[in-house]
Amino acid sequence: MENNDGAKFLYFLTGVSIGTMVGVLFAPHSGKRVRELIADQAGESREYLLRKGTELREQASDYVERGKEVLADQRDHLVADVAAGKQAYQAEPQSKSNP
């Protein structure tokens, strides 16, 4: 069950950016003004992608840390269960020999 909201938003933002660029290209502005608008839009998109990349990296790091904690807890439970099983196994022959 993955959360695809980030990807959907990124697709939406990409569509808006492309639509904006096409609209700007066909708008009644001078060539210099159109190039400035495209450069501004590209700069904003770059900043957005850098922010999102940082957020995703931090989120992935959090997931890795939580995964490590879960694995450590499971390992501890497994070690305790194995130790209890060994103890029960060793106690079993003694109880059978003493009826």
Protein backbone atom coordinates (compact mmCIF):
# COMPACT_ATOMS: atom_id res chain seq x y z
CA MET A 1 0.00 0.00 0.00
CA GLU A 2 2.16 2.78 -1.26
CA ASN A 3 1.27 6.41 -0.90
CA ASN A 4 1.36 7.89 -4.42
CA ASP A 5 0.16 11.36 -3.45
CA GLY A 6 3.65 12.79 -3.91
CA ALA A 7 3.95 11.30 -7.38
CA LYS A 8 0.47 12.49 -8.35
CA PHE A 9 1.30 15.98 -7.15
CA LEU A 10 4.56 15.93 -9.08
CA TYR A 11 2.69 14.91 -12.26
CA PHE A 12 0.18 17.67 -11.64
CA LEU A 13 2.93 20.24 -11.12
CA THR A 14 4.71 19.05 -14.26
CA GLY A 15 1.49 19.43 -16.24
CA VAL A 16 0.92 22.90 -14.85
CA SER A 17 4.50 23.86 -15.72
CA ILE A 18 4.19 22.58 -19.28
CA GLY A 19 0.83 24.30 -19.69
CA THR A 20 2.27 27.53 -18.38
CA MET A 21 5.20 27.34 -20.77
CA VAL A 22 2.95 26.69 -23.76
CA GLY A 23 0.68 29.53 -22.71
CA VAL A 24 3.62 31.85 -22.29
CA LEU A 25 5.03 30.91 -25.69
CA PHE A 26 1.78 31.85 -27.37
CA ALA A 27 1.18 34.94 -25.26
CA PRO A 28 1.62 38.36 -26.80
CA HIS A 29 4.97 39.13 -25.15
CA SER A 30 8.28 40.00 -26.64
CA GLY A 31 10.86 37.26 -27.10
CA LYS A 32 13.01 38.63 -24.31
CA ARG A 33 10.08 38.65 -21.87
CA VAL A 34 9.10 35.10 -22.85
CA ARG A 35 12.66 33.88 -22.24
CA GLU A 36 12.66 35.57 -18.84
CA LEU A 37 9.38 33.90 -17.92
CA ILE A 38 10.67 30.51 -19.03
CA ALA A 39 13.88 31.01 -17.05
CA ASP A 40 11.87 32.02 -13.97
CA GLN A 41 9.63 28.97 -14.32
CA ALA A 42 12.64 26.70 -14.75
CA GLY A 43 14.22 28.18 -11.64
CA GLU A 44 11.06 27.63 -9.61
CA SER A 45 10.79 24.06 -10.87
CA ARG A 46 14.41 23.39 -9.96
CA GLU A 47 13.90 24.75 -6.45
CA TYR A 48 10.76 22.65 -6.04
CA LEU A 49 12.53 19.50 -7.18
CA LEU A 50 15.44 20.16 -4.83
CA ARG A 51 13.03 20.63 -1.92
CA LYS A 52 11.10 17.49 -2.81
CA GLY A 53 14.33 15.52 -3.22
CA THR A 54 15.47 16.59 0.22
CA GLU A 55 12.08 15.72 1.73
CA LEU A 56 12.07 12.30 0.08
CA ARG A 57 15.64 11.61 1.22
CA GLU A 58 14.69 12.49 4.81
CA GLN A 59 11.55 10.38 4.60
CA ALA A 60 13.52 7.42 3.25
CA SER A 61 16.04 7.84 6.04
CA ASP A 62 13.21 7.79 8.60
CA TYR A 63 11.81 4.60 7.06
CA VAL A 64 15.24 2.97 7.17
CA GLU A 65 15.66 3.89 10.83
CA ARG A 66 12.22 2.55 11.71
CA GLY A 67 12.99 -0.63 9.79
CA LYS A 68 16.23 -1.07 11.71
CA GLU A 69 14.36 -0.64 15.00
CA VAL A 70 11.73 -3.21 14.01
CA LEU A 71 14.41 -5.67 12.93
CA ALA A 72 16.30 -5.19 16.19
CA ASP A 73 13.11 -5.80 18.19
CA GLN A 74 12.31 -8.92 16.17
CA ARG A 75 15.87 -10.18 16.62
CA ASP A 76 15.63 -9.67 20.39
CA HIS A 77 12.32 -11.56 20.51
CA LEU A 78 13.77 -14.38 18.41
CA VAL A 79 16.84 -14.68 20.62
CA ALA A 80 14.64 -14.78 23.72
CA ASP A 81 12.36 -17.40 22.14
CA VAL A 82 15.32 -19.57 21.10
CA ALA A 83 16.77 -19.34 24.61
CA ALA A 84 13.39 -20.31 26.11
CA GLY A 85 13.13 -23.21 23.68
CA LYS A 86 16.60 -24.46 24.60
CA GLN A 87 15.78 -24.22 28.27
CA ALA A 88 12.51 -26.11 27.76
CA TYR A 89 14.28 -28.76 25.68
CA GLN A 90 16.93 -29.26 28.35
CA ALA A 91 14.31 -29.46 31.09
CA GLU A 92 12.21 -32.01 29.15
CA PRO A 93 14.53 -35.08 29.49
CA GLN A 94 14.93 -34.43 33.21
CA SER A 95 11.19 -34.42 33.80
CA LYS A 96 10.72 -37.68 31.79
CA SER A 97 13.46 -39.50 33.72
CA ASN A 98 11.90 -38.54 37.07
CA PRO A 99 8.28 -39.78 36.92
